[in-house]
Amino acid sequence: MLALAAGLGALAAAGQAPLGWWWLALAAFAGVLSLIARQATAGRAAWIGWAAGAGYGAAAMFWIVEPFLVDAARHGWMAPFALALMAAGIGLFWAFAAGLGVGIAGPARSARLLAVALGFGASDLLRGYIFTGLPWALLGHSFVGTPLAQVAALTGAVGLSLVFALAAAALAIVLSPRSGARFGRAAAGVAAGVMLAGGWVWGASQLAAPMPAPARDIVLRLVQPNATQALKWQPEFARAFFFRQVEMTAAPAARRPDLVIWPETSVPFLLDTPGAGLEIIAEAAAGVPVALGIQRREGTRYFNSLVVLGAAGEVTALYDKFHLTPFGEYIPFGDAFARIGVSAFAARLGNGFSAGAGARVLDLGALGRVQPLICYEAVFAQDLRAAPERPDWLMQVTNDSWFGALAGPQQHLAQARLRAVEFGLPLARAANTGVSAMIDARGRVLAQLPLNAQGFLDVPLPAALPATVYARLGDVPTFAFIVTLMALVAGLARLPIDRTRARA
């Protein structure tokens, strides 16, 4: 039974990028829900949920081994442990959803399926917040790339997860002769059809609606140097990669860009000891401002930062990443881990970065107000909502070469697309090895550079949309909806009923 649950969970991961097979994911997840609902106790349901979640986590997050293989001689031994721990961790969230749902719903199969689906909505919400959060490979991410993704403008990614889980529960009711009377199964089928088809049609209408004209005529140049992670910091290659970006910055065009954007940690020097580096960049840009990822030192602390350079190479704006990647940019209990040779992978200098002050919006004058996101920060919708004001557009600089060349970078891009939908804002994305892209406020990729390719894009900045429902209210309405329905299911389960008939 546990092996079957793990296999169905792995199939449910087919909805994640790069496959995006949401229909297979939905069917497999309906099988997971059916297995959970058949268990006699909440404890047994939790074990089935854990096995399914572990299978899902291993299949969706298999790329997590890639950072350990950059320096395989030193860190390769940790790769299987990292994947196993990641899969087991996601399994714990699925166990919570399964145990909670079965525990509150009583013996009725249909009520159990509904409650467990709500539990999965709650677990995806929790996964985005607790233990610093990891809202990666959520159930709702299966809908990125479909018209249903537009629902995120109302509900956020967790709302999409809830739609996914409820539709799978309805499918499980339809396919299970033990889930109630024929009329009830027909009603569940209608509900699933209305939910999916209604969201699809509404989303398609949003995508078909004309976009407003951009408030400003801005052309951005997105630079992708394709600096392989294993070579990125080796002195002879670091210089070559730096001048590769300089050359692309200086490349002629029919219209010079208004801003050039380099990726995360794109230069081989610190901001406080740049030598002639900043002047070289400014000379290549010929008066055009350049935004770039750079590391900086302040006393004994290091920061993963983004700066905007003016015409003379002076820093006109500065942002420090504040939502750091555990084990990538800092190590919890770092002193203890250092004794066994474990340090932060992405932090080239020292064993980790310090967190910045928080979300910021940079006023770039004629270029508008932009909220910078450094790599992992684009995964967290709440980080965007934490900004002190609404920006005109979003700018993500990232180094996805850590994630390999398969699912990791594609899943990161999918989440960037979802942030654009949730907030109704265009997002410019400069990635070291790809995928660099211009994404409009509906989450459509207007232009992109493929993985492991060198080049640049000159692209106009699309228009922003009015603030979305999700941008204004966040996850509170979805959380309230889940809690209310769970309370209703729990209350109905405690009404006196014919238990023999309920199990039929």
Protein backbone atom coordinates (compact mmCIF):
# COMPACT_ATOMS: atom_id res chain seq x y z
CA MET A 1 0.00 0.00 0.00
CA LEU A 2 2.82 2.42 0.85
CA ALA A 3 4.59 1.59 -2.41
CA LEU A 4 1.40 2.23 -4.38
CA ALA A 5 0.94 5.55 -2.61
CA ALA A 6 4.54 6.56 -3.38
CA GLY A 7 4.08 5.62 -7.03
CA LEU A 8 0.89 7.64 -7.36
CA GLY A 9 2.58 10.55 -5.64
CA ALA A 10 5.46 10.40 -8.13
CA LEU A 11 2.96 10.40 -11.00
CA ALA A 12 1.28 13.46 -9.49
CA ALA A 13 4.57 15.31 -9.92
CA ALA A 14 4.10 15.11 -13.71
CA GLY A 15 2.10 18.33 -13.43
CA GLN A 16 5.23 20.28 -12.52
CA ALA A 17 7.48 21.93 -15.12
CA PRO A 18 8.94 20.98 -17.49
CA LEU A 19 6.25 18.38 -18.25
CA GLY A 20 3.16 20.29 -17.14
CA TRP A 21 0.91 17.25 -17.55
CA TRP A 22 -1.77 18.58 -15.19
CA TRP A 23 -4.34 16.03 -16.36
CA LEU A 24 -2.10 13.10 -15.37
CA ALA A 25 -1.22 14.80 -12.11
CA LEU A 26 -4.92 15.31 -11.34
CA ALA A 27 -5.77 11.67 -12.02
CA ALA A 28 -2.84 10.39 -9.97
CA PHE A 29 -3.67 12.69 -7.08
CA ALA A 30 -7.27 11.47 -7.15
CA GLY A 31 -5.81 8.00 -6.63
CA VAL A 32 -3.80 9.28 -3.67
CA LEU A 33 -6.92 10.78 -2.11
CA SER A 34 -8.85 7.53 -2.61
CA LEU A 35 -6.14 5.54 -0.83
CA ILE A 36 -6.11 7.99 2.06
CA ALA A 37 -9.91 8.03 2.43
CA ARG A 38 -10.04 4.21 2.66
CA GLN A 39 -7.87 4.05 5.79
CA ALA A 40 -9.50 3.04 9.05
CA THR A 41 -7.72 5.60 11.24
CA ALA A 42 -6.16 9.03 10.92
CA GLY A 43 -2.76 7.52 11.78
CA ARG A 44 -2.87 5.03 8.93
CA ALA A 45 -4.07 7.78 6.60
CA ALA A 46 -1.09 9.90 7.65
CA TRP A 47 1.32 7.08 6.73
CA ILE A 48 -0.27 6.78 3.28
CA GLY A 49 -0.06 10.55 2.90
CA TRP A 50 3.59 10.52 3.94
CA ALA A 51 4.49 7.82 1.40
CA ALA A 52 2.65 9.63 -1.39
CA GLY A 53 4.27 12.93 -0.44
CA ALA A 54 7.72 11.36 -0.36
CA GLY A 55 7.18 9.94 -3.83
CA TYR A 56 5.94 13.30 -5.05
CA GLY A 57 8.83 15.17 -3.45
CA ALA A 58 11.45 12.81 -4.88
CA ALA A 59 10.01 13.07 -8.40
CA ALA A 60 9.37 16.83 -8.36
CA MET A 61 12.55 17.86 -6.53
CA PHE A 62 15.10 15.39 -7.89
CA TRP A 63 17.13 18.34 -9.16
CA ILE A 64 17.99 19.22 -5.55
CA VAL A 65 21.07 17.00 -5.90
CA GLU A 66 22.59 19.34 -8.51
CA PRO A 67 24.24 21.84 -6.11
CA PHE A 68 26.05 18.98 -4.40
CA LEU A 69 27.49 17.81 -7.72
CA VAL A 70 29.10 21.14 -8.65
CA ASP A 71 32.00 20.13 -6.40
CA ALA A 72 31.27 16.41 -6.34
CA ALA A 73 34.54 15.46 -4.69
CA ARG A 74 33.69 17.54 -1.66
CA HIS A 75 29.90 17.49 -1.49
CA GLY A 76 28.72 14.64 -3.73
CA TRP A 77 28.29 12.23 -0.83
CA MET A 78 25.53 14.46 0.55
CA ALA A 79 23.37 14.41 -2.62
CA PRO A 80 21.31 11.27 -1.87
CA PHE A 81 20.78 12.39 1.72
CA ALA A 82 19.58 15.80 0.53
CA LEU A 83 17.03 14.25 -1.83
CA ALA A 84 15.87 11.76 0.78
CA LEU A 85 15.43 14.48 3.41
CA MET A 86 13.63 16.77 0.97
CA ALA A 87 11.24 14.01 -0.08
CA ALA A 88 10.63 12.98 3.53
CA GLY A 89 9.99 16.60 4.49
CA ILE A 90 7.37 17.09 1.81
CA GLY A 91 5.92 13.76 2.92
CA LEU A 92 5.41 15.18 6.41
CA PHE A 93 3.22 17.95 5.01
CA TRP A 94 1.19 15.42 3.05
CA ALA A 95 0.91 13.25 6.18
CA PHE A 96 -0.47 16.27 8.04
CA ALA A 97 -3.07 16.85 5.32
CA ALA A 98 -4.13 13.20 5.25
CA GLY A 99 -4.29 12.72 9.01
CA LEU A 100 -6.13 15.99 9.58
CA GLY A 101 -8.71 15.30 6.89
CA VAL A 102 -9.52 11.77 7.99
CA GLY A 103 -9.42 12.79 11.63
CA ILE A 104 -12.10 15.45 11.34
CA ALA A 105 -14.37 13.90 8.70
CA GLY A 106 -15.72 10.74 10.23
CA PRO A 107 -16.38 7.54 8.26
CA ALA A 108 -18.31 8.92 5.26
CA ARG A 109 -16.07 8.50 2.18
CA SER A 110 -17.20 11.65 0.37
CA ALA A 111 -16.74 13.79 3.49
CA ARG A 112 -13.29 12.31 3.98
CA LEU A 113 -12.26 13.12 0.42
CA LEU A 114 -13.46 16.69 0.82
CA ALA A 115 -11.73 17.11 4.18
CA VAL A 116 -8.44 15.63 2.94
CA ALA A 117 -8.53 17.91 -0.11
CA LEU A 118 -8.95 20.88 2.23
CA GLY A 119 -6.09 19.50 4.31
CA PHE A 120 -3.84 19.58 1.25
CA GLY A 121 -4.78 23.20 0.64
CA ALA A 122 -3.80 23.94 4.24
CA SER A 123 -0.53 22.00 3.95
CA ASP A 124 0.50 23.88 0.80
CA LEU A 125 -0.22 27.11 2.63
CA LEU A 126 1.85 26.03 5.64
CA ARG A 127 4.70 24.90 3.42
CA GLY A 128 5.05 28.46 2.15
CA TYR A 129 5.54 29.93 5.61
CA ILE A 130 6.93 27.65 8.32
CA PHE A 131 10.64 26.76 8.71
CA THR A 132 11.46 29.78 6.49
CA GLY A 133 9.07 28.39 3.85
CA LEU A 134 9.47 26.24 0.75
CA PRO A 135 6.48 26.83 -1.55
CA TRP A 136 8.15 24.93 -4.39
CA ALA A 137 6.28 22.31 -6.44
CA LEU A 138 2.91 23.14 -4.89
CA LEU A 139 -0.05 21.25 -6.30
CA GLY A 140 -1.39 24.41 -7.94
CA HIS A 141 1.84 24.91 -9.91
CA SER A 142 0.52 22.17 -12.20
CA PHE A 143 -1.77 24.78 -13.75
CA VAL A 144 0.99 27.24 -14.73
CA GLY A 145 0.89 27.53 -18.50
CA THR A 146 -2.88 26.95 -18.66
CA PRO A 147 -5.67 29.55 -18.54
CA LEU A 148 -6.46 28.31 -15.02
CA ALA A 149 -3.31 30.04 -13.81
CA GLN A 150 -5.17 33.36 -14.09
CA VAL A 151 -7.19 32.34 -11.03
CA ALA A 152 -4.02 33.11 -9.04
CA ALA A 153 -4.79 36.81 -9.52
CA LEU A 154 -7.72 36.17 -7.16
CA THR A 155 -6.45 33.44 -4.86
CA GLY A 156 -2.68 33.13 -5.23
CA ALA A 157 -0.84 29.85 -5.74
CA VAL A 158 -2.45 28.25 -2.69
CA GLY A 159 -5.88 28.93 -4.14
CA LEU A 160 -4.78 27.05 -7.26
CA SER A 161 -3.64 24.18 -5.04
CA LEU A 162 -7.07 24.13 -3.43
CA VAL A 163 -8.79 24.05 -6.83
CA PHE A 164 -6.49 21.18 -7.84
CA ALA A 165 -7.15 19.21 -4.66
CA LEU A 166 -10.93 19.75 -4.69
CA ALA A 167 -11.17 18.76 -8.36
CA ALA A 168 -9.16 15.60 -7.63
CA ALA A 169 -11.45 14.81 -4.69
CA ALA A 170 -14.51 15.20 -6.90
CA LEU A 171 -12.90 12.90 -9.49
CA ALA A 172 -12.22 10.34 -6.78
CA ILE A 173 -15.88 10.47 -5.71
CA VAL A 174 -17.03 9.99 -9.30
CA LEU A 175 -14.80 6.96 -9.84
CA SER A 176 -15.49 5.26 -6.50
CA PRO A 177 -18.75 3.29 -6.19
CA ARG A 178 -18.35 3.40 -2.40
CA SER A 179 -18.32 7.20 -2.22
CA GLY A 180 -22.07 7.61 -2.00
CA ALA A 181 -25.24 7.37 -4.04
CA ARG A 182 -25.23 7.70 -7.81
CA PHE A 183 -26.73 11.18 -7.51
CA GLY A 184 -23.93 12.26 -5.19
CA ARG A 185 -21.28 11.00 -7.59
CA ALA A 186 -22.98 12.81 -10.46
CA ALA A 187 -23.09 16.00 -8.40
CA ALA A 188 -19.38 15.66 -7.63
CA GLY A 189 -18.65 15.25 -11.34
CA VAL A 190 -20.64 18.34 -12.17
CA ALA A 191 -18.88 20.30 -9.42
CA ALA A 192 -15.43 19.29 -10.73
CA GLY A 193 -16.43 20.15 -14.28
CA VAL A 194 -17.81 23.53 -13.29
CA MET A 195 -14.73 24.30 -11.20
CA LEU A 196 -12.21 23.41 -13.88
CA ALA A 197 -14.15 24.52 -16.93
CA GLY A 198 -15.33 27.72 -15.25
CA GLY A 199 -11.80 28.63 -14.19
CA TRP A 200 -10.46 27.72 -17.62
CA VAL A 201 -13.03 29.84 -19.48
CA TRP A 202 -12.59 32.81 -17.13
CA GLY A 203 -8.82 32.54 -17.43
CA ALA A 204 -9.03 32.36 -21.22
CA SER A 205 -11.17 35.50 -21.24
CA GLN A 206 -8.53 37.29 -19.16
CA LEU A 207 -5.82 36.22 -21.57
CA ALA A 208 -7.90 37.36 -24.55
CA ALA A 209 -8.62 40.79 -23.05
CA PRO A 210 -6.51 43.62 -24.54
CA MET A 211 -3.61 44.80 -22.43
CA PRO A 212 -3.27 48.49 -21.59
CA ALA A 213 -0.57 50.53 -23.27
CA PRO A 214 2.68 50.75 -21.25
CA ALA A 215 2.93 53.88 -19.13
CA ARG A 216 6.53 54.33 -20.28
CA ASP A 217 8.42 53.46 -23.45
CA ILE A 218 11.20 51.38 -21.89
CA VAL A 219 13.48 48.82 -23.51
CA LEU A 220 15.41 46.44 -21.26
CA ARG A 221 18.48 44.41 -22.18
CA LEU A 222 18.60 41.06 -20.37
CA VAL A 223 22.12 39.62 -20.34
CA GLN A 224 22.72 35.86 -20.05
CA PRO A 225 26.45 35.01 -19.94
CA ASN A 226 26.03 31.23 -19.50
CA ALA A 227 28.71 31.02 -16.82
CA THR A 228 28.83 27.36 -15.82
CA GLN A 229 28.74 27.04 -12.04
CA ALA A 230 31.71 24.70 -11.82
CA LEU A 231 33.85 27.28 -13.65
CA LYS A 232 32.19 30.50 -12.53
CA TRP A 233 34.67 31.45 -9.79
CA GLN A 234 37.86 30.01 -11.24
CA PRO A 235 40.04 33.09 -11.91
CA GLU A 236 40.76 32.44 -15.58
CA PHE A 237 37.09 31.77 -16.36
CA ALA A 238 35.67 34.45 -14.06
CA ARG A 239 37.47 37.14 -16.06
CA ALA A 240 36.22 35.68 -19.35
CA PHE A 241 32.63 35.55 -18.11
CA PHE A 242 32.85 39.13 -16.87
CA PHE A 243 34.06 40.48 -20.20
CA ARG A 244 31.47 38.36 -22.00
CA GLN A 245 28.83 40.42 -20.20
CA VAL A 246 30.70 43.64 -20.89
CA GLU A 247 30.70 42.86 -24.62
CA MET A 248 26.98 42.08 -24.63
CA THR A 249 26.30 45.30 -22.74
CA ALA A 250 28.19 47.29 -25.40
CA ALA A 251 26.63 45.44 -28.36
CA PRO A 252 25.03 47.86 -30.83
CA ALA A 253 21.29 47.88 -31.50
CA ALA A 254 18.82 49.82 -33.58
CA ARG A 255 17.66 51.34 -30.33
CA ARG A 256 19.86 51.47 -27.29
CA PRO A 257 18.22 49.96 -24.22
CA ASP A 258 17.11 52.13 -21.33
CA LEU A 259 18.43 49.67 -18.73
CA VAL A 260 20.81 46.69 -18.92
CA ILE A 261 20.27 43.86 -16.43
CA TRP A 262 22.95 41.34 -15.48
CA PRO A 263 22.19 38.20 -13.42
CA GLU A 264 22.77 37.38 -9.76
CA THR A 265 26.42 37.44 -8.52
CA SER A 266 27.51 38.34 -12.03
CA VAL A 267 30.90 39.92 -11.27
CA PRO A 268 34.12 38.42 -9.82
CA PHE A 269 34.73 41.19 -7.29
CA LEU A 270 33.11 42.69 -4.22
CA LEU A 271 31.21 45.96 -4.36
CA ASP A 272 33.55 47.48 -1.77
CA THR A 273 36.72 46.41 -3.65
CA PRO A 274 35.73 46.62 -7.33
CA GLY A 275 39.01 47.88 -8.76
CA ALA A 276 38.20 49.25 -12.21
CA GLY A 277 35.26 46.82 -12.63
CA LEU A 278 32.41 49.27 -12.22
CA GLU A 279 34.01 51.83 -14.54
CA ILE A 280 34.50 49.14 -17.19
CA ILE A 281 30.81 48.25 -16.99
CA ALA A 282 29.75 51.90 -17.18
CA GLU A 283 32.02 52.56 -20.16
CA ALA A 284 30.50 49.60 -22.03
CA ALA A 285 26.99 50.80 -21.22
CA ALA A 286 27.77 54.28 -22.64
CA GLY A 287 25.47 56.19 -20.34
CA VAL A 288 22.80 53.50 -19.95
CA PRO A 289 22.26 52.40 -16.32
CA VAL A 290 23.14 48.81 -15.47
CA ALA A 291 21.50 46.67 -12.78
CA LEU A 292 23.61 43.74 -11.67
CA GLY A 293 23.96 41.13 -8.97
CA ILE A 294 27.05 41.55 -6.82
CA GLN A 295 28.38 40.46 -3.44
CA ARG A 296 29.38 43.07 -0.90
CA ARG A 297 31.07 43.16 2.47
CA GLU A 298 30.18 45.25 5.48
CA GLY A 299 32.64 44.63 8.28
CA THR A 300 32.64 40.87 8.78
CA ARG A 301 29.27 40.38 7.10
CA TYR A 302 28.61 39.57 3.44
CA PHE A 303 25.49 40.32 1.42
CA ASN A 304 24.04 38.99 -1.82
CA SER A 305 23.06 42.28 -3.42
CA LEU A 306 21.78 44.09 -6.48
CA VAL A 307 23.05 47.50 -7.47
CA VAL A 308 22.14 49.97 -10.19
CA LEU A 309 25.10 51.80 -11.72
CA GLY A 310 24.93 55.29 -13.17
CA ALA A 311 26.78 56.73 -16.16
CA ALA A 312 30.10 57.03 -14.31
CA GLY A 313 29.88 53.66 -12.57
CA GLU A 314 28.51 55.15 -9.35
CA VAL A 315 25.97 53.19 -7.32
CA THR A 316 22.58 54.88 -7.62
CA ALA A 317 20.50 52.15 -5.93
CA LEU A 318 21.26 49.19 -3.67
CA TYR A 319 19.25 46.19 -2.50
CA ASP A 320 20.34 43.32 -0.24
CA LYS A 321 18.64 39.95 -0.51
CA PHE A 322 16.70 39.29 2.69
CA HIS A 323 15.06 35.88 2.14
CA LEU A 324 18.14 33.70 2.02
CA THR A 325 18.26 30.10 0.84
CA PRO A 326 18.92 27.63 3.68
CA PHE A 327 22.13 25.66 3.07
CA GLY A 328 22.65 27.60 -0.17
CA GLU A 329 23.36 31.02 1.35
CA TYR A 330 23.47 30.35 5.04
CA ILE A 331 23.70 27.33 7.28
CA PRO A 332 21.40 26.91 10.27
CA PHE A 333 23.67 26.06 13.20
CA GLY A 334 26.56 26.99 10.92
CA ASP A 335 29.37 26.52 13.45
CA ALA A 336 28.35 22.93 14.12
CA PHE A 337 28.03 22.07 10.43
CA ALA A 338 31.37 23.72 9.65
CA ARG A 339 33.10 21.09 11.77
CA ILE A 340 32.06 18.40 9.27
CA GLY A 341 32.88 20.49 6.22
CA VAL A 342 29.36 21.66 5.36
CA SER A 343 29.16 25.26 4.22
CA ALA A 344 26.78 27.39 2.20
CA PHE A 345 27.09 26.44 -1.48
CA ALA A 346 26.16 29.73 -3.14
CA ALA A 347 28.13 31.90 -0.73
CA ARG A 348 31.53 32.07 -2.37
CA LEU A 349 33.07 34.10 0.44
CA GLY A 350 32.81 32.79 3.97
CA ASN A 351 30.21 30.30 5.09
CA GLY A 352 27.14 32.36 4.39
CA PHE A 353 25.44 35.64 3.67
CA SER A 354 23.66 37.99 6.06
CA ALA A 355 20.05 38.89 5.39
CA GLY A 356 19.16 42.35 4.13
CA ALA A 357 16.70 44.68 5.83
CA GLY A 358 13.65 43.52 3.87
CA ALA A 359 11.64 44.01 0.71
CA ARG A 360 12.29 47.29 -1.12
CA VAL A 361 11.04 49.23 -4.09
CA LEU A 362 13.76 51.14 -5.96
CA ASP A 363 12.80 54.43 -7.58
CA LEU A 364 14.67 54.49 -10.89
CA GLY A 365 13.23 57.78 -12.08
CA ALA A 366 12.15 57.57 -15.71
CA LEU A 367 12.41 53.77 -15.51
CA GLY A 368 9.71 53.68 -12.85
CA ARG A 369 9.60 51.95 -9.49
CA VAL A 370 10.91 48.40 -9.49
CA GLN A 371 10.89 45.70 -6.84
CA PRO A 372 14.08 43.62 -7.10
CA LEU A 373 14.00 39.89 -6.40
CA ILE A 374 17.20 37.92 -6.08
CA CYS A 375 16.83 34.28 -7.12
CA TYR A 376 14.86 32.36 -4.47
CA GLU A 377 12.88 35.44 -3.39
CA ALA A 378 10.63 35.11 -6.45
CA VAL A 379 9.29 31.87 -4.95
CA PHE A 380 7.59 33.74 -2.09
CA ALA A 381 4.48 35.74 -2.90
CA GLN A 382 4.44 37.09 0.66
CA ASP A 383 7.84 38.68 0.04
CA LEU A 384 6.37 40.71 -2.80
CA ARG A 385 3.45 41.76 -0.60
CA ALA A 386 5.94 42.88 2.06
CA ALA A 387 7.13 45.77 -0.12
CA PRO A 388 6.29 49.20 1.34
CA GLU A 389 4.56 50.28 -1.89
CA ARG A 390 3.31 48.80 -5.13
CA PRO A 391 6.02 48.83 -7.81
CA ASP A 392 5.53 49.43 -11.52
CA TRP A 393 7.36 46.22 -12.43
CA LEU A 394 9.39 43.35 -11.02
CA MET A 395 13.04 42.51 -11.73
CA GLN A 396 14.47 39.09 -10.88
CA VAL A 397 18.18 38.37 -11.12
CA THR A 398 19.11 34.75 -10.57
CA ASN A 399 21.82 32.12 -10.95
CA ASP A 400 19.88 28.97 -11.80
CA SER A 401 23.01 27.12 -12.86
CA TRP A 402 22.89 25.65 -9.34
CA PHE A 403 19.67 23.86 -10.33
CA GLY A 404 21.06 21.86 -13.26
CA ALA A 405 19.63 21.78 -16.77
CA LEU A 406 16.37 19.89 -16.32
CA ALA A 407 13.43 20.55 -14.02
CA GLY A 408 14.87 23.03 -11.50
CA PRO A 409 15.31 26.09 -13.76
CA GLN A 410 12.00 25.41 -15.52
CA GLN A 411 10.13 25.19 -12.22
CA HIS A 412 11.76 28.43 -11.07
CA LEU A 413 10.62 30.15 -14.27
CA ALA A 414 7.08 28.80 -13.79
CA GLN A 415 6.94 30.35 -10.33
CA ALA A 416 8.15 33.69 -11.68
CA ARG A 417 5.29 33.56 -14.18
CA LEU A 418 2.86 32.94 -11.34
CA ARG A 419 4.16 35.95 -9.39
CA ALA A 420 3.41 38.12 -12.42
CA VAL A 421 -0.17 36.80 -12.51
CA GLU A 422 -0.71 37.16 -8.78
CA PHE A 423 0.32 40.80 -8.74
CA GLY A 424 -0.63 41.94 -12.24
CA LEU A 425 2.93 43.15 -12.88
CA PRO A 426 5.44 42.48 -15.67
CA LEU A 427 8.58 40.67 -14.60
CA ALA A 428 12.00 40.95 -16.23
CA ARG A 429 14.23 37.97 -15.50
CA ALA A 430 18.00 37.83 -16.05
CA ALA A 431 19.44 34.37 -15.36
CA ASN A 432 23.08 33.36 -15.52
CA THR A 433 22.55 30.17 -17.55
CA GLY A 434 18.84 30.68 -18.28
CA VAL A 435 16.00 30.94 -18.53
CA SER A 436 16.15 34.73 -19.02
CA ALA A 437 12.74 36.04 -20.00
CA MET A 438 10.34 38.93 -20.24
CA ILE A 439 7.03 37.99 -18.66
CA ASP A 440 3.91 40.12 -18.99
CA ALA A 441 1.36 40.86 -16.27
CA ARG A 442 -0.71 37.81 -17.31
CA GLY A 443 2.27 35.49 -16.84
CA ARG A 444 2.94 35.03 -20.56
CA VAL A 445 6.55 34.65 -21.67
CA LEU A 446 6.96 37.26 -24.40
CA ALA A 447 10.63 36.52 -25.08
CA GLN A 448 13.22 34.17 -23.62
CA LEU A 449 16.71 32.77 -23.96
CA PRO A 450 16.96 28.99 -23.58
CA LEU A 451 18.93 27.15 -20.95
CA ASN A 452 22.69 26.93 -21.34
CA ALA A 453 22.82 29.55 -24.07
CA GLN A 454 24.83 32.75 -24.24
CA GLY A 455 23.14 35.92 -25.47
CA PHE A 456 21.00 38.90 -24.65
CA LEU A 457 17.47 40.09 -25.26
CA ASP A 458 16.37 43.66 -26.02
CA VAL A 459 12.73 43.70 -25.05
CA PRO A 460 10.14 46.41 -24.32
CA LEU A 461 8.74 46.52 -20.80
CA PRO A 462 5.04 45.52 -20.93
CA ALA A 463 2.27 47.35 -19.12
CA ALA A 464 1.17 46.69 -15.56
CA LEU A 465 -2.42 45.87 -14.65
CA PRO A 466 -4.36 47.32 -11.71
CA ALA A 467 -3.61 45.73 -8.34
CA THR A 468 -5.14 42.27 -8.20
CA VAL A 469 -7.37 40.86 -5.48
CA TYR A 470 -4.47 38.71 -4.33
CA ALA A 471 -2.09 41.67 -4.24
CA ARG A 472 -4.50 43.45 -1.90
CA LEU A 473 -5.60 40.59 0.34
CA GLY A 474 -2.96 37.87 0.08
CA ASP A 475 -3.64 34.38 1.43
CA VAL A 476 -6.12 35.43 4.13
CA PRO A 477 -9.32 34.72 2.13
CA THR A 478 -8.08 31.29 1.03
CA PHE A 479 -7.06 30.44 4.60
CA ALA A 480 -10.44 31.58 5.91
CA PHE A 481 -12.23 29.50 3.25
CA ILE A 482 -10.26 26.37 4.18
CA VAL A 483 -10.86 26.81 7.91
CA THR A 484 -14.58 27.51 7.43
CA LEU A 485 -15.18 24.45 5.25
CA MET A 486 -13.11 22.25 7.57
CA ALA A 487 -15.16 23.42 10.54
CA LEU A 488 -18.34 22.68 8.61
CA VAL A 489 -17.18 19.17 7.67
CA ALA A 490 -16.07 18.50 11.25
CA GLY A 491 -19.41 19.72 12.59
CA LEU A 492 -21.43 17.60 10.18
CA ALA A 493 -19.32 14.55 11.05
CA ARG A 494 -20.48 14.82 14.64
CA LEU A 495 -24.17 14.79 13.81
CA PRO A 496 -25.95 11.54 14.72
CA ILE A 497 -26.11 9.41 11.54
CA ASP A 498 -26.52 5.79 10.57
CA ARG A 499 -22.86 4.67 10.66
CA THR A 500 -23.56 1.49 8.71
CA ARG A 501 -25.10 3.49 5.89
CA ALA A 502 -22.29 6.07 6.03
CA ARG A 503 -19.74 3.38 5.24
CA ALA A 504 -21.77 2.04 2.35
